[in-house]
């Protein structure tokens, strides 16, 4: 059984603290409107859970960024990734301030302080919602991702294999690209033939979008130039033979 990648682990951990932060102002406002003070107890513990789980969520997110070379020496990180990380830390900071305030006063706040605390919780919920939106764009795509092929002819290239006959030299290059695809864990972000994650586009039929190996090579070296605002990190630091092999492999996926 394959192990979880950092991308998948981050996605699995992050949803609970996000949900808790979104519910905190709901219970706070509900407690005031419905005169149910016990709801404030619920909101307090939701805030505690959110702050505690923010630690592994932020840690796995940071490791994911480094693992995907978003913070490496291959150029500036994609704007959407920078915004996502900044929003995540901002939401966590707001949640910590709100929790510290309530703990310091033993959760016995005056009306004015309670309103301020609700506003702080609303701000944290708004920022964490924006964080999730940015994460969703990176995972499921948006205007910054290549448009996937809407449909594929029935029975053609179902396994993401090359359907055209290749020369021995071309076949060797494609095979080397397939090995590099696995060795460099491209499946941590991309789905291919039903295997991998959905952070980036599905590459099963990549040749139907971009059959030119030269385009693939340029995209690997500078993704943002070929696809503006792409979340994919540059792979320009890979050896030239590896880049050419990967480009040939991707251009052959029918």
Protein backbone atom coordinates (compact mmCIF):
# COMPACT_ATOMS: atom_id res chain seq x y z
CA UNK A 1 0.00 0.00 0.00
CA UNK A 2 1.42 3.40 -1.00
CA UNK A 3 2.13 5.92 1.75
CA UNK A 4 0.56 9.36 1.91
CA UNK A 5 2.51 12.17 0.29
CA UNK A 6 3.02 15.43 2.19
CA UNK A 7 0.42 17.05 -0.07
CA UNK A 8 -2.17 14.41 0.83
CA UNK A 9 -1.25 14.45 4.53
CA UNK A 10 -1.59 18.23 4.66
CA UNK A 11 -4.99 18.00 2.99
CA UNK A 12 -6.15 15.36 5.46
CA UNK A 13 -5.04 17.32 8.54
CA UNK A 14 -6.09 20.82 7.59
CA UNK A 15 -9.85 20.40 7.20
CA UNK A 16 -10.73 19.96 10.89
CA UNK A 17 -9.09 23.18 12.17
CA UNK A 18 -10.63 25.05 9.24
CA UNK A 19 -14.09 23.73 10.11
CA UNK A 20 -13.60 24.60 13.79
CA UNK A 21 -12.57 28.18 13.00
CA UNK A 22 -15.58 28.63 10.74
CA UNK A 23 -17.92 27.41 13.49
CA UNK A 24 -16.51 29.57 16.31
CA UNK A 25 -18.32 32.80 15.30
CA UNK A 26 -21.47 30.82 14.49
CA UNK A 27 -21.73 29.58 18.08
CA UNK A 28 -20.63 32.95 19.48
CA UNK A 29 -23.33 34.85 17.61
CA UNK A 30 -25.88 32.10 18.28
CA UNK A 31 -25.18 32.29 22.01
CA UNK A 32 -25.97 36.01 22.00
CA UNK A 33 -29.03 35.87 19.76
CA UNK A 34 -30.62 32.77 21.29
CA UNK A 35 -29.52 33.48 24.87
CA UNK A 36 -27.69 30.17 25.13
CA UNK A 37 -24.53 30.79 27.20
CA UNK A 38 -23.56 27.13 26.88
CA UNK A 39 -22.90 27.78 23.20
CA UNK A 40 -20.00 30.01 24.23
CA UNK A 41 -18.46 26.98 25.92
CA UNK A 42 -18.74 25.12 22.62
CA UNK A 43 -17.15 28.02 20.73
CA UNK A 44 -14.30 28.14 23.25
CA UNK A 45 -13.40 24.49 22.79
CA UNK A 46 -13.77 24.75 19.03
CA UNK A 47 -11.20 27.55 19.20
CA UNK A 48 -8.90 25.39 21.34
CA UNK A 49 -9.10 22.51 18.85
CA UNK A 50 -8.49 24.88 15.93
CA UNK A 51 -5.37 26.39 17.52
CA UNK A 52 -3.94 23.00 18.55
CA UNK A 53 -4.50 21.43 15.13
CA UNK A 54 -3.18 24.51 13.37
CA UNK A 55 0.31 23.42 14.42
CA UNK A 56 0.42 20.17 12.38
CA UNK A 57 -1.59 21.81 9.59
CA UNK A 58 0.94 24.64 9.24
CA UNK A 59 3.89 22.27 9.66
CA UNK A 60 2.74 19.86 6.95
CA UNK A 61 1.91 22.81 4.70
CA UNK A 62 5.40 24.22 5.16
CA UNK A 63 7.02 20.85 4.47
CA UNK A 64 4.79 20.39 1.42
CA UNK A 65 5.98 23.70 0.00
CA UNK A 66 9.63 22.77 0.54
CA UNK A 67 9.03 19.25 -0.75
CA UNK A 68 7.64 20.66 -3.99
CA UNK A 69 10.53 23.14 -4.24
CA UNK A 70 8.21 26.12 -3.80
CA UNK A 71 10.77 27.61 -1.41
CA UNK A 72 13.88 26.45 -3.21
CA UNK A 73 16.49 28.18 -5.33
CA UNK A 74 14.68 27.79 -8.67
CA UNK A 75 13.04 31.21 -8.63
CA UNK A 76 10.21 33.02 -6.92
CA UNK A 77 7.39 30.94 -5.48
CA UNK A 78 4.07 31.10 -7.37
CA UNK A 79 1.93 34.01 -6.15
CA UNK A 80 -1.01 31.78 -5.28
CA UNK A 81 1.20 29.63 -3.03
CA UNK A 82 2.66 32.68 -1.26
CA UNK A 83 -0.85 34.05 -0.68
CA UNK A 84 -2.06 30.67 0.60
CA UNK A 85 0.78 30.37 3.10
CA UNK A 86 0.42 33.99 4.28
CA UNK A 87 -3.34 33.60 4.74
CA UNK A 88 -2.87 30.36 6.70
CA UNK A 89 -0.44 31.93 9.15
CA UNK A 90 -2.60 35.05 9.45
CA UNK A 91 -5.70 33.02 10.28
CA UNK A 92 -3.77 31.02 12.86
CA UNK A 93 -2.40 34.21 14.40
CA UNK A 94 -5.88 35.69 14.74
CA UNK A 95 -7.12 32.46 16.33
CA UNK A 96 -4.25 32.44 18.84
CA UNK A 97 -4.95 36.05 19.83
CA UNK A 98 -8.66 35.30 20.30
CA UNK A 99 -7.93 32.23 22.41
CA UNK A 100 -5.30 34.00 24.54
CA UNK A 101 -7.74 36.83 25.18
CA UNK A 102 -10.47 34.47 26.33
CA UNK A 103 -8.12 32.39 28.48
CA UNK A 104 -6.66 35.47 30.15
CA UNK A 105 -10.12 36.65 31.19
CA UNK A 106 -11.33 33.13 32.03
CA UNK A 107 -13.83 33.56 29.18
CA UNK A 108 -15.76 36.08 31.31
CA UNK A 109 -15.82 39.04 28.93
CA UNK A 110 -17.75 42.29 29.17
CA UNK A 111 -20.20 43.14 26.41
CA UNK A 112 -17.70 45.33 24.58
CA UNK A 113 -14.91 42.79 24.87
CA UNK A 114 -17.26 40.03 23.76
CA UNK A 115 -18.22 41.97 20.63
CA UNK A 116 -14.54 42.55 19.88
CA UNK A 117 -13.87 38.84 20.37
CA UNK A 118 -16.69 37.96 17.97
CA UNK A 119 -15.24 40.35 15.39
CA UNK A 120 -11.83 38.73 15.83
CA UNK A 121 -13.38 35.29 15.36
CA UNK A 122 -15.20 36.50 12.23
CA UNK A 123 -11.92 37.84 10.87
CA UNK A 124 -10.18 34.51 11.54
CA UNK A 125 -13.05 32.63 9.87
CA UNK A 126 -12.90 34.92 6.85
CA UNK A 127 -9.16 34.56 6.44
CA UNK A 128 -9.23 30.79 6.88
CA UNK A 129 -12.04 30.61 4.33
CA UNK A 130 -9.85 32.53 1.87
CA UNK A 131 -6.99 30.17 2.71
CA UNK A 132 -9.18 27.22 1.79
CA UNK A 133 -10.25 28.92 -1.43
CA UNK A 134 -6.63 29.39 -2.49
CA UNK A 135 -5.85 25.80 -1.54
CA UNK A 136 -8.80 24.63 -3.62
CA UNK A 137 -7.53 26.56 -6.63
CA UNK A 138 -4.16 24.87 -6.29
CA UNK A 139 -5.70 21.41 -5.92
CA UNK A 140 -8.61 21.53 -8.34
CA UNK A 141 -7.38 24.21 -10.71
CA UNK A 142 -8.69 27.57 -11.76
CA UNK A 143 -7.75 30.31 -14.15
CA UNK A 144 -4.11 29.67 -13.27
CA UNK A 145 -4.19 26.04 -14.32
CA UNK A 146 -4.21 24.59 -17.85
CA UNK A 147 -7.68 23.67 -19.06
CA UNK A 148 -8.11 19.89 -19.01
CA UNK A 149 -9.38 17.99 -22.02
CA UNK A 150 -13.15 17.70 -21.68
CA UNK A 151 -13.37 14.23 -23.16
CA UNK A 152 -11.24 11.55 -24.74
CA UNK A 153 -12.24 9.33 -27.60
CA UNK A 154 -13.61 6.08 -26.26
CA UNK A 155 -11.05 3.33 -26.07
CA UNK A 156 -8.09 5.55 -26.97
CA UNK A 157 -5.10 5.90 -24.68
CA UNK A 158 -6.94 4.84 -21.53
CA UNK A 159 -3.72 3.99 -19.75
CA UNK A 160 -1.87 7.17 -20.66
CA UNK A 161 0.42 5.22 -22.98
CA UNK A 162 1.93 6.40 -26.25
CA UNK A 163 -0.19 5.20 -29.17
CA UNK A 164 2.16 6.31 -31.97
CA UNK A 165 5.01 4.00 -33.00
CA UNK A 166 8.30 5.28 -31.59
CA UNK A 167 11.83 4.70 -32.81
CA UNK A 168 14.17 2.77 -30.54
CA UNK A 169 15.92 5.99 -29.49
CA UNK A 170 12.62 7.77 -28.82
CA UNK A 171 11.29 4.81 -26.86
CA UNK A 172 14.45 4.79 -24.73
CA UNK A 173 14.07 8.52 -24.02
CA UNK A 174 10.39 8.09 -23.11
CA UNK A 175 11.25 5.18 -20.80
CA UNK A 176 13.88 7.32 -19.08
CA UNK A 177 11.28 10.05 -18.68
CA UNK A 178 8.86 7.60 -17.11
CA UNK A 179 11.50 6.56 -14.60
CA UNK A 180 12.29 10.20 -13.82
CA UNK A 181 8.58 10.93 -13.38
CA UNK A 182 8.48 8.35 -10.59
CA UNK A 183 11.89 9.13 -9.09
CA UNK A 184 11.13 12.84 -8.75
CA UNK A 185 7.68 12.07 -7.30
CA UNK A 186 5.69 13.92 -9.94
CA UNK A 187 2.76 11.78 -8.79
CA UNK A 188 2.73 13.81 -5.56
CA UNK A 189 0.98 16.55 -7.55
CA UNK A 190 -0.28 14.94 -10.76
CA UNK A 191 -2.61 12.08 -11.62
CA UNK A 192 -1.51 9.78 -14.42
CA UNK A 193 -3.44 6.67 -15.42
CA UNK A 194 -5.41 6.80 -12.18
CA UNK A 195 -2.35 7.05 -9.92
CA UNK A 196 -1.28 10.18 -8.05
CA UNK A 197 -2.67 13.33 -6.48
CA UNK A 198 -4.86 16.08 -7.92
CA UNK A 199 -2.82 19.14 -7.00
CA UNK A 200 -2.00 19.78 -10.65
CA UNK A 201 -3.63 18.79 -13.94
CA UNK A 202 -4.24 15.14 -14.83
CA UNK A 203 -1.41 14.12 -17.18
CA UNK A 204 -2.94 10.87 -18.45
CA UNK A 205 -3.67 12.41 -21.87
CA UNK A 206 -1.20 15.30 -21.73
CA UNK A 207 -0.21 14.86 -25.39
CA UNK A 208 -3.72 15.83 -26.44
CA UNK A 209 -3.15 19.25 -24.89
CA UNK A 210 0.55 19.76 -25.53
CA UNK A 211 2.05 17.19 -27.93
CA UNK A 212 5.18 19.29 -28.54
CA UNK A 213 8.15 18.10 -26.48
CA UNK A 214 9.75 21.54 -26.82
CA UNK A 215 6.71 23.11 -25.14
CA UNK A 216 6.91 20.51 -22.37
CA UNK A 217 10.60 21.28 -21.87
CA UNK A 218 10.00 25.03 -21.63
CA UNK A 219 7.10 24.43 -19.25
CA UNK A 220 9.26 22.31 -16.96
CA UNK A 221 11.93 25.01 -16.92
CA UNK A 222 9.61 28.00 -16.46
CA UNK A 223 5.96 27.01 -15.76
CA UNK A 224 4.80 30.57 -15.07
CA UNK A 225 6.05 31.76 -18.46
CA UNK A 226 4.16 29.06 -20.35
CA UNK A 227 1.05 29.08 -18.11
CA UNK A 228 0.72 32.44 -16.34
CA UNK A 229 0.09 32.19 -12.57
CA UNK A 230 0.71 28.45 -12.61
CA UNK A 231 1.26 26.96 -9.14
CA UNK A 232 3.84 24.51 -10.47
CA UNK A 233 7.42 25.13 -9.30
CA UNK A 234 10.23 25.38 -11.82
CA UNK A 235 12.23 22.21 -12.46
CA UNK A 236 15.10 24.05 -14.14
CA UNK A 237 17.54 22.71 -11.56
CA UNK A 238 17.14 19.14 -12.85
CA UNK A 239 19.87 17.76 -15.14
CA UNK A 240 19.31 18.60 -18.81
CA UNK A 241 19.02 14.93 -19.92
CA UNK A 242 16.37 14.38 -17.25
CA UNK A 243 14.38 17.41 -18.39
CA UNK A 244 14.48 16.27 -22.02
CA UNK A 245 13.41 12.76 -21.01
CA UNK A 246 10.52 14.10 -18.92
CA UNK A 247 9.44 16.35 -21.78
CA UNK A 248 9.45 13.41 -24.20
CA UNK A 249 7.53 11.26 -21.74
CA UNK A 250 4.81 13.87 -21.18
CA UNK A 251 4.51 14.63 -24.89
CA UNK A 252 3.89 10.92 -25.54
CA UNK A 253 0.98 10.50 -23.11
CA UNK A 254 -1.96 9.92 -25.46
